[in-house]
Protein backbone atom coordinates (compact mmCIF):
# COMPACT_ATOMS: atom_id res chain seq x y z
CA MET A 1 7.57 3.62 29.89
CA LYS A 2 8.48 -0.05 30.27
CA TYR A 3 5.27 -0.75 32.19
CA ALA A 4 3.20 1.16 29.64
CA VAL A 5 4.59 -1.06 26.86
CA TRP A 6 3.83 -4.19 28.87
CA SER A 7 0.31 -2.89 29.48
CA LEU A 8 -0.16 -2.38 25.74
CA VAL A 9 1.06 -5.94 25.07
CA LEU A 10 -1.45 -7.25 27.60
CA LEU A 11 -4.22 -5.15 26.05
CA LEU A 12 -3.41 -6.44 22.56
CA THR A 13 -3.42 -10.00 23.87
CA ILE A 14 -6.89 -9.53 25.33
CA LEU A 15 -8.23 -7.74 22.23
CA HIS A 16 -6.83 -10.44 19.95
CA LEU A 17 -9.45 -12.87 21.28
CA ASP A 18 -12.28 -11.39 19.23
CA LEU A 19 -15.31 -13.59 19.67
CA TRP A 20 -17.64 -10.87 18.43
CA TYR A 21 -16.63 -10.93 14.71
CA TRP A 22 -16.67 -14.68 14.05
CA GLU A 23 -20.20 -14.79 12.65
CA ASP A 24 -20.34 -11.26 11.23
CA SER A 25 -20.63 -11.28 7.43
CA ARG A 26 -20.47 -7.50 6.86
CA LEU A 27 -17.89 -6.10 4.45
CA VAL A 28 -15.69 -3.05 5.02
CA ALA A 29 -15.60 -0.84 1.92
CA GLY A 30 -17.49 -3.58 0.13
CA ILE A 31 -14.45 -5.87 -0.24
CA MET A 32 -12.99 -6.95 3.12
CA PRO A 33 -14.80 -8.98 5.80
CA VAL A 34 -15.03 -7.07 9.07
CA GLY A 35 -13.14 -9.82 10.96
CA LEU A 36 -10.21 -9.63 8.55
CA PHE A 37 -10.22 -5.83 8.78
CA TYR A 38 -10.13 -6.12 12.59
CA HIS A 39 -7.12 -8.42 12.43
CA ALA A 40 -5.36 -6.13 9.95
CA GLY A 41 -5.81 -3.32 12.47
CA MET A 42 -4.52 -5.58 15.23
CA SER A 43 -1.43 -6.34 13.13
CA LEU A 44 -0.72 -2.64 12.66
CA ALA A 45 -1.23 -2.02 16.38
CA ALA A 46 1.12 -4.91 17.20
CA ALA A 47 3.77 -3.41 14.91
CA VAL A 48 3.49 -0.07 16.70
CA VAL A 49 3.70 -1.72 20.13
CA TRP A 50 6.72 -3.76 19.02
CA TYR A 51 8.43 -0.56 17.86
CA LEU A 52 7.71 1.04 21.24
CA ALA A 53 9.03 -2.05 23.02
CA THR A 54 12.31 -2.00 21.11
CA ARG A 55 12.66 1.76 21.49
CA PHE A 56 11.80 2.19 25.17
CA ALA A 57 11.74 -1.18 26.96
CA TRP A 58 14.52 -3.20 25.32
CA PRO A 59 17.28 -4.14 27.78
CA PHE A 60 20.56 -2.60 26.67
CA ASP A 61 23.90 -3.38 28.20
CA ASP A 62 26.90 -1.32 27.06
CA SER A 63 29.42 -3.81 28.46
CA GLU A 64 28.50 -6.48 25.88
CA ASP A 65 29.53 -4.31 22.92
CA ALA A 66 32.52 -2.61 24.52
CA GLY A 67 35.26 -5.04 23.50
CA SER A 68 33.83 -6.74 20.45
CA GLY A 69 34.90 -4.14 17.88
CA GLY A 70 31.89 -4.99 15.76
CA ALA A 71 33.14 -8.42 14.62
CA VAL A 72 31.54 -11.64 15.69
């Protein structure tokens, strides 16, 4: 799963470079420029990928928390 998350991060990085919507003046639902709508979708996708990264690919070491007792 770790490699799948990294692949999604790479895909989002590539898709973030949207050269195709810079000059497009169409509106989505009559109020939002299509480029802004694209970036809103990218933000939601990035949030989902970040959740997956923290859930499945985050390094976790039990020995760090073993003796701390919760206090810093």
